[in-house]
Every structure is written in C-alpha cells, then in structure tokens.
C-alpha cells in the first residue's frame, strides 16, 4: 500500500516537473469543484506554471467574482503534459475534457471515488478544497490570497456554511488558516450562500410549488421548461435540494432534474444517521453519506417512481432492520 508521504512526494514531483498542467472537475460544477480547480490552479500559476483550467459546463455565474474565473475554458487545448482532476469521483463526470487520457493525479473527497488516475489522493474530508488547502505546503506551493479565497469558497459551499455533519475541527482550522492568508470569509460566504439571483428564486418557487411528501421522504421535479420560465441559465437546480432538507417532517430529500439526452439528474440529501451514498451507487452515481446523486436514463415519471420506491425501501430497511 502506498503511504501518504509517498503519495504527497509523488504529487509534488509531478506538479513541479510539469511545464503545462491541465486541471478539470465534474460536470454541473458546484462551489467545491470551482474552488478546488481555481485554488490549485492559482497556486501553481504563482510558481510560474502554465495552467489550463477546464470545466466542460463552464463556470457558474455565482463564482465569477473569484480570481482566475475569466481563465476557465470549456474545452482543453492539446498542449499539456500533466492532467489533474479535482472533486470528481469518476472519469466520466469530467464531461470528456480529457478524451481517452487517464489523469495523472486525482484529488477528491467522495467516498465513492473509483481511484481512476495514475496517482489518487482520496480523503474522507468535508470538501476537496480542504484537502488541497491542507496539502499545498506539502507540495511546496504557495497559499496566495486568491488561492485562499477560492479554497475557502469550496469549503463554505460544500459544508453549506460549516453546517454539514462531516464538519470537523480540522476543517474549521483549515478555514481559519485560509482567512489568515487573506480570504474574506464574510464576503465569500455572502457571495456563495447569502445571495441569489431573481431567476434562481423563481426556479425555487416552481420547484417548491411542485413539492410532494410520502412518509419521511420529500421530493420535487424540475424540467427544461421550468428553467425557461424562470430564465435560469445554469446547469443545475439552483441548490433547491438544500431547501428541502430543512423540512422537519422528512429525513431524505430528492430533486429530479430533467437534462439533455433523456437523462434525469437525481440529487439526494439525507439527515443523520442515514447514508444514501450506496443507494446512489446502485444507480450508477455516487457521493457522500448525506449528499449523493446519479444521472439516470429514462422519462421523468419512470425515473421518479423507480427512485422513490428504492429510497422508501432503503428507509424502511434502515428504520426496521428486523423486517
């Protein structure tokens, strides 16, 4: 088994020996994907490296205030000698940015990560951004203020403002370290979680109006037509699933989002002590115990019925293990 020190030594050597580095993350990028991408990329740029920052779905408008946001591409240029994926549990979720090439380095915090790169750093932490922040020094990379701001944004968003069940003292200390390096936690929190566009709020209204509940499960659906009505240009569901988790009468929240190619994006959120990551894996997805997802082919109605039935079976087994 490869030791942690050996892994970090290898990552350090690969990063410093490369001339042109490509960094990419998953489709429909969230704050941790963006923060990890920019945080590592900006740290490398500060050492004089040529870095390509690639997100196949582009950068969400929510994060355009971050340094380096204007350098994010949707397609990779061919001239790179090192490929790094961040916050991405499997290669398919990059959206094809690397073609057939195997990544050289995979940095992630998803427990369902497939360890698909030549060198894998997968740690069960609150955010991939926290892993990168903790190890930049190990890799002889500087923690500049722009990099600190991006990484703190990743931590803030993936922990929903330090409120998720996987928050630890270590993660809080990492966040404090990033503040010490110049990241403005108040401003970054407001940008990431404290404000919403009119179109996002309008999409929330549509989704909340369609909300349903059965037993301890609550769900809603969003279609392409809903996005047009709300004038919402984003790839995701405006994080409406986080609103559903606030409902006192439910333990699991689900959002069904219609996407292209006859695919339905399913997002689960679970309250403690439930672990829905294995449920997501059974449908070809992955994630964390409390937050997971999957892309499933089929009509909205068929996928919805299948997922709700499977989620109810899971909840029943967890609640009544002797049945």
Protein backbone atom coordinates (compact mmCIF):
# COMPACT_ATOMS: atom_id res chain seq x y z
CA UNK A 1 0.00 0.00 0.00
CA UNK A 2 1.30 3.45 -0.93
CA UNK A 3 1.99 5.63 2.10
CA UNK A 4 0.57 9.13 2.43
CA UNK A 5 4.06 10.65 2.45
CA UNK A 6 4.92 8.76 -0.72
CA UNK A 7 1.72 9.99 -2.40
CA UNK A 8 2.45 13.59 -1.48
CA UNK A 9 6.06 13.28 -2.62
CA UNK A 10 4.86 11.94 -5.96
CA UNK A 11 2.25 14.70 -6.37
CA UNK A 12 4.85 17.34 -5.51
CA UNK A 13 7.32 15.97 -8.04
CA UNK A 14 4.72 15.66 -10.78
CA UNK A 15 3.42 19.19 -10.26
CA UNK A 16 6.87 20.77 -10.16
CA UNK A 17 8.29 18.78 -13.08
CA UNK A 18 5.40 19.56 -15.42
CA UNK A 19 5.51 22.60 -17.71
CA UNK A 20 1.87 22.75 -18.78
CA UNK A 21 -0.79 21.43 -16.39
CA UNK A 22 -4.46 20.83 -17.08
CA UNK A 23 -6.89 20.84 -14.15
CA UNK A 24 -10.51 19.81 -14.57
CA UNK A 25 -13.52 18.82 -12.46
CA UNK A 26 -17.03 17.47 -12.80
CA UNK A 27 -19.98 18.49 -14.95
CA UNK A 28 -22.52 20.91 -13.42
CA UNK A 29 -19.70 22.26 -11.20
CA UNK A 30 -20.53 23.32 -7.66
CA UNK A 31 -18.54 25.54 -5.32
CA UNK A 32 -16.14 22.81 -4.27
CA UNK A 33 -15.37 21.89 -7.88
CA UNK A 34 -14.75 25.54 -8.76
CA UNK A 35 -12.88 26.36 -5.56
CA UNK A 36 -10.62 23.31 -5.87
CA UNK A 37 -9.94 23.97 -9.55
CA UNK A 38 -9.09 27.65 -9.03
CA UNK A 39 -7.31 27.15 -5.70
CA UNK A 40 -4.84 24.59 -7.03
CA UNK A 41 -4.56 26.36 -10.38
CA UNK A 42 -3.79 29.78 -8.89
CA UNK A 43 -1.22 28.29 -6.52
CA UNK A 44 0.53 26.65 -9.48
CA UNK A 45 0.35 29.85 -11.55
CA UNK A 46 2.05 31.70 -8.72
CA UNK A 47 5.09 29.45 -9.27
CA UNK A 48 5.18 30.34 -12.97
CA UNK A 49 3.43 27.22 -14.30
CA UNK A 50 1.26 27.29 -17.42
CA UNK A 51 -2.14 26.02 -16.27
CA UNK A 52 -5.29 25.21 -18.19
CA UNK A 53 -8.47 25.41 -16.08
CA UNK A 54 -11.23 23.41 -17.80
CA UNK A 55 -14.88 22.84 -16.89
CA UNK A 56 -16.93 21.23 -19.65
CA UNK A 57 -20.09 23.04 -18.49
CA UNK A 58 -18.31 26.33 -17.89
CA UNK A 59 -18.10 28.40 -14.73
CA UNK A 60 -21.38 29.14 -12.87
CA UNK A 61 -22.15 32.85 -12.58
CA UNK A 62 -22.17 32.55 -8.77
CA UNK A 63 -18.37 32.21 -8.76
CA UNK A 64 -17.33 34.75 -11.38
CA UNK A 65 -16.07 37.11 -8.67
CA UNK A 66 -13.18 34.76 -7.87
CA UNK A 67 -9.71 35.44 -9.26
CA UNK A 68 -8.97 33.26 -12.27
CA UNK A 69 -12.66 32.84 -13.16
CA UNK A 70 -12.08 34.52 -16.51
CA UNK A 71 -9.44 31.91 -17.38
CA UNK A 72 -11.75 28.90 -17.14
CA UNK A 73 -12.21 27.15 -20.51
CA UNK A 74 -14.88 24.68 -21.64
CA UNK A 75 -12.53 22.73 -23.92
CA UNK A 76 -8.97 21.64 -23.30
CA UNK A 77 -6.09 22.66 -25.51
CA UNK A 78 -3.90 19.75 -26.52
CA UNK A 79 -0.59 21.14 -25.25
CA UNK A 80 -0.40 19.85 -21.67
CA UNK A 81 1.87 17.27 -20.08
CA UNK A 82 0.08 16.67 -16.76
CA UNK A 83 -3.65 16.11 -16.17
CA UNK A 84 -5.24 16.63 -12.75
CA UNK A 85 -8.85 16.04 -11.73
CA UNK A 86 -10.30 17.57 -8.57
CA UNK A 87 -13.58 16.83 -6.74
CA UNK A 88 -14.56 14.24 -9.34
CA UNK A 89 -15.46 10.69 -8.30
CA UNK A 90 -15.19 9.09 -11.74
CA UNK A 91 -13.67 9.99 -15.09
CA UNK A 92 -16.98 10.10 -16.94
CA UNK A 93 -18.12 13.02 -14.79
CA UNK A 94 -15.47 15.29 -16.30
CA UNK A 95 -17.70 15.55 -19.36
CA UNK A 96 -15.00 14.26 -21.68
CA UNK A 97 -12.47 17.06 -21.10
CA UNK A 98 -9.57 14.59 -21.16
CA UNK A 99 -10.78 12.42 -24.02
CA UNK A 100 -9.33 8.92 -23.62
CA UNK A 101 -6.39 10.05 -21.49
CA UNK A 102 -6.03 8.71 -17.97
CA UNK A 103 -5.48 11.54 -15.46
CA UNK A 104 -2.12 11.66 -13.76
CA UNK A 105 -3.50 12.89 -10.42
CA UNK A 106 -6.96 12.52 -8.89
CA UNK A 107 -7.71 14.61 -5.76
CA UNK A 108 -11.12 14.06 -4.21
CA UNK A 109 -13.15 13.64 -1.02
CA UNK A 110 -16.01 11.42 -2.26
CA UNK A 111 -16.06 8.05 -0.53
CA UNK A 112 -17.36 6.51 -3.78
CA UNK A 113 -14.31 7.65 -5.80
CA UNK A 114 -13.18 4.99 -8.31
CA UNK A 115 -9.43 5.78 -7.98
CA UNK A 116 -9.18 6.08 -11.76
CA UNK A 117 -5.95 8.10 -12.09
CA UNK A 118 -2.32 7.03 -12.09
CA UNK A 119 -1.99 8.59 -8.62
CA UNK A 120 -5.02 9.02 -6.35
CA UNK A 121 -5.36 11.20 -3.27
CA UNK A 122 -8.83 10.46 -1.89
CA UNK A 123 -9.50 11.52 1.69
CA UNK A 124 -12.82 11.47 3.54
CA UNK A 125 -12.91 15.20 4.28
CA UNK A 126 -15.66 17.81 4.28
CA UNK A 127 -14.53 19.23 0.93
CA UNK A 128 -11.92 18.59 -1.73
CA UNK A 129 -10.88 22.23 -1.29
CA UNK A 130 -9.91 21.46 2.31
CA UNK A 131 -7.67 18.59 1.15
CA UNK A 132 -5.87 20.88 -1.27
CA UNK A 133 -5.57 23.67 1.29
CA UNK A 134 -4.10 21.29 3.87
CA UNK A 135 -1.50 19.91 1.48
CA UNK A 136 -0.33 22.89 -0.58
CA UNK A 137 2.60 23.24 1.80
CA UNK A 138 3.41 19.52 1.38
CA UNK A 139 3.57 20.14 -2.37
CA UNK A 140 5.79 23.25 -1.97
CA UNK A 141 3.08 25.51 -3.36
CA UNK A 142 2.24 28.99 -2.02
CA UNK A 143 -1.10 29.82 -0.40
CA UNK A 144 -1.73 33.15 -2.09
CA UNK A 145 -4.75 35.26 -1.17
CA UNK A 146 -6.55 34.48 -4.48
CA UNK A 147 -5.94 30.75 -3.95
CA UNK A 148 -7.10 31.00 -0.33
CA UNK A 149 -10.32 32.74 -1.43
CA UNK A 150 -11.10 30.01 -3.96
CA UNK A 151 -10.39 27.20 -1.50
CA UNK A 152 -12.42 28.79 1.28
CA UNK A 153 -15.31 29.16 -1.16
CA UNK A 154 -15.11 25.42 -1.81
CA UNK A 155 -15.26 24.65 1.90
CA UNK A 156 -18.09 27.11 2.59
CA UNK A 157 -20.29 25.78 -0.21
CA UNK A 158 -19.77 22.05 0.30
CA UNK A 159 -20.41 22.31 4.04
CA UNK A 160 -23.33 24.72 3.49
CA UNK A 161 -21.70 27.32 5.68
CA UNK A 162 -19.93 24.87 8.06
CA UNK A 163 -23.22 23.15 8.94
CA UNK A 164 -22.95 19.64 7.47
CA UNK A 165 -22.50 16.54 9.61
CA UNK A 166 -18.98 15.88 8.25
CA UNK A 167 -17.60 19.18 9.57
CA UNK A 168 -14.62 18.68 11.87
CA UNK A 169 -12.34 20.81 14.00
CA UNK A 170 -9.60 20.14 11.46
CA UNK A 171 -11.71 21.60 8.66
CA UNK A 172 -12.50 24.67 10.76
CA UNK A 173 -8.79 25.15 11.45
CA UNK A 174 -8.10 24.87 7.72
CA UNK A 175 -10.72 27.54 7.05
CA UNK A 176 -9.13 29.77 9.71
CA UNK A 177 -5.74 29.27 8.06
CA UNK A 178 -7.19 30.44 4.74
CA UNK A 179 -8.62 33.51 6.45
CA UNK A 180 -5.14 34.18 7.86
CA UNK A 181 -3.88 34.09 4.27
CA UNK A 182 -6.21 36.90 3.29
CA UNK A 183 -9.54 35.25 2.42
CA UNK A 184 -12.51 37.43 3.45
CA UNK A 185 -14.89 34.88 4.96
CA UNK A 186 -17.79 37.33 5.31
CA UNK A 187 -17.68 38.41 1.67
CA UNK A 188 -17.11 34.90 0.35
CA UNK A 189 -19.99 33.49 2.41
CA UNK A 190 -22.36 36.18 1.11
CA UNK A 191 -21.28 35.63 -2.49
CA UNK A 192 -21.65 31.85 -2.28
CA UNK A 193 -24.65 31.35 0.02
CA UNK A 194 -26.06 34.68 1.12
CA UNK A 195 -27.41 35.98 -2.18
CA UNK A 196 -29.49 34.54 -5.03
CA UNK A 197 -30.47 35.81 -8.45
CA UNK A 198 -34.10 36.53 -9.29
CA UNK A 199 -34.13 33.61 -11.75
CA UNK A 200 -32.84 31.19 -9.09
CA UNK A 201 -35.54 32.31 -6.66
CA UNK A 202 -38.15 31.95 -9.38
CA UNK A 203 -36.98 28.39 -10.09
CA UNK A 204 -37.20 27.67 -6.37
CA UNK A 205 -40.82 28.86 -6.43
CA UNK A 206 -41.66 26.45 -9.24
CA UNK A 207 -39.94 23.56 -7.50
CA UNK A 208 -41.42 24.28 -4.08
CA UNK A 209 -44.89 24.57 -5.61
CA UNK A 210 -44.48 21.06 -7.01
CA UNK A 211 -43.12 19.54 -3.80
CA UNK A 212 -44.54 16.24 -2.52
CA UNK A 213 -44.03 14.10 0.56
CA UNK A 214 -44.62 10.47 1.46
CA UNK A 215 -43.69 9.09 4.86
CA UNK A 216 -40.25 10.62 5.64
CA UNK A 217 -39.29 11.41 2.03
CA UNK A 218 -39.85 14.75 0.30
CA UNK A 219 -39.19 15.43 -3.38
CA UNK A 220 -39.76 17.76 -6.28
CA UNK A 221 -39.16 17.85 -10.03
CA UNK A 222 -37.74 20.48 -12.38
CA UNK A 223 -37.87 20.40 -16.17
CA UNK A 224 -36.17 22.24 -19.00
CA UNK A 225 -39.40 24.18 -19.49
CA UNK A 226 -39.29 25.28 -15.83
CA UNK A 227 -35.81 26.69 -16.41
CA UNK A 228 -37.05 28.63 -19.44
CA UNK A 229 -39.98 30.04 -17.46
CA UNK A 230 -37.60 31.13 -14.67
CA UNK A 231 -35.00 32.36 -17.22
CA UNK A 232 -32.48 30.22 -15.33
CA UNK A 233 -29.35 29.63 -17.40
CA UNK A 234 -27.47 27.37 -15.00
CA UNK A 235 -26.86 23.65 -15.48
CA UNK A 236 -28.11 22.56 -12.05
CA UNK A 237 -31.21 23.09 -9.94
CA UNK A 238 -30.09 26.23 -8.05
CA UNK A 239 -29.44 24.10 -4.93
CA UNK A 240 -33.15 23.72 -4.20
CA UNK A 241 -32.37 20.35 -2.61
CA UNK A 242 -30.77 22.20 0.29
CA UNK A 243 -34.10 23.94 0.93
CA UNK A 244 -35.90 20.60 1.02
CA UNK A 245 -33.53 19.29 3.68
CA UNK A 246 -34.85 21.97 6.05
CA UNK A 247 -38.28 20.34 6.13
CA UNK A 248 -38.79 18.99 9.63
CA UNK A 249 -41.12 16.17 8.57
CA UNK A 250 -38.64 14.46 6.23
CA UNK A 251 -35.37 12.55 6.60
CA UNK A 252 -34.47 12.29 2.91
CA UNK A 253 -34.94 14.94 0.21
CA UNK A 254 -34.78 14.26 -3.54
CA UNK A 255 -34.70 16.57 -6.55
CA UNK A 256 -35.34 15.23 -10.05
CA UNK A 257 -33.86 17.49 -12.70
CA UNK A 258 -34.54 16.97 -16.39
CA UNK A 259 -31.41 17.26 -18.52
CA UNK A 260 -30.35 16.66 -22.08
CA UNK A 261 -30.12 13.24 -23.81
CA UNK A 262 -33.13 11.79 -21.99
CA UNK A 263 -31.29 11.89 -18.67
CA UNK A 264 -32.69 12.71 -15.26
CA UNK A 265 -30.29 14.10 -12.69
CA UNK A 266 -31.25 12.75 -9.26
CA UNK A 267 -29.94 14.51 -6.14
CA UNK A 268 -30.41 13.00 -2.68
CA UNK A 269 -29.85 14.66 0.69
CA UNK A 270 -30.18 12.73 3.94
CA UNK A 271 -30.27 13.64 7.59
CA UNK A 272 -28.22 11.69 10.11
CA UNK A 273 -27.86 8.78 10.61
CA UNK A 274 -28.86 7.81 7.07
CA UNK A 275 -26.27 7.05 4.37
CA UNK A 276 -27.63 7.34 0.83
CA UNK A 277 -24.26 7.02 -0.97
CA UNK A 278 -24.75 3.28 -1.57
CA UNK A 279 -28.22 3.98 -2.95
CA UNK A 280 -26.72 6.43 -5.44
CA UNK A 281 -24.01 3.92 -6.39
CA UNK A 282 -26.67 1.29 -7.13
CA UNK A 283 -28.00 3.66 -9.82
CA UNK A 284 -24.57 4.38 -11.31
CA UNK A 285 -23.89 7.50 -9.26
CA UNK A 286 -22.01 8.30 -6.07
CA UNK A 287 -21.30 10.88 -3.43
CA UNK A 288 -21.34 11.12 0.34
CA UNK A 289 -23.44 9.57 3.10
CA UNK A 290 -25.51 12.76 3.40
CA UNK A 291 -25.35 14.02 -0.20
CA UNK A 292 -25.27 11.91 -3.34
CA UNK A 293 -26.50 11.88 -6.91
CA UNK A 294 -26.88 9.93 -10.13
CA UNK A 295 -27.70 10.55 -13.79
CA UNK A 296 -30.33 8.06 -14.94
CA UNK A 297 -31.70 7.47 -18.43
CA UNK A 298 -35.47 7.44 -18.85
CA UNK A 299 -38.55 9.61 -18.61
CA UNK A 300 -39.14 11.83 -15.62
CA UNK A 301 -42.10 9.78 -14.42
CA UNK A 302 -40.38 6.41 -14.78
CA UNK A 303 -37.19 7.55 -13.04
CA UNK A 304 -39.14 9.29 -10.29
CA UNK A 305 -41.22 6.20 -9.49
CA UNK A 306 -38.16 3.94 -9.53
CA UNK A 307 -36.09 6.21 -7.28
CA UNK A 308 -38.85 6.95 -4.78
CA UNK A 309 -39.61 3.23 -4.46
CA UNK A 310 -35.93 2.38 -3.95
CA UNK A 311 -35.50 5.22 -1.43
CA UNK A 312 -38.57 4.13 0.52
CA UNK A 313 -37.28 0.53 0.59
CA UNK A 314 -33.91 1.77 1.85
CA UNK A 315 -35.52 3.91 4.54
CA UNK A 316 -37.79 1.06 5.60
CA UNK A 317 -34.83 -1.33 5.97
CA UNK A 318 -32.86 1.23 7.95
CA UNK A 319 -35.80 2.03 10.20
CA UNK A 320 -36.94 -1.58 10.64
CA UNK A 321 -33.79 -3.76 10.30
CA UNK A 322 -35.57 -6.87 11.61
CA UNK A 323 -38.20 -6.90 8.85
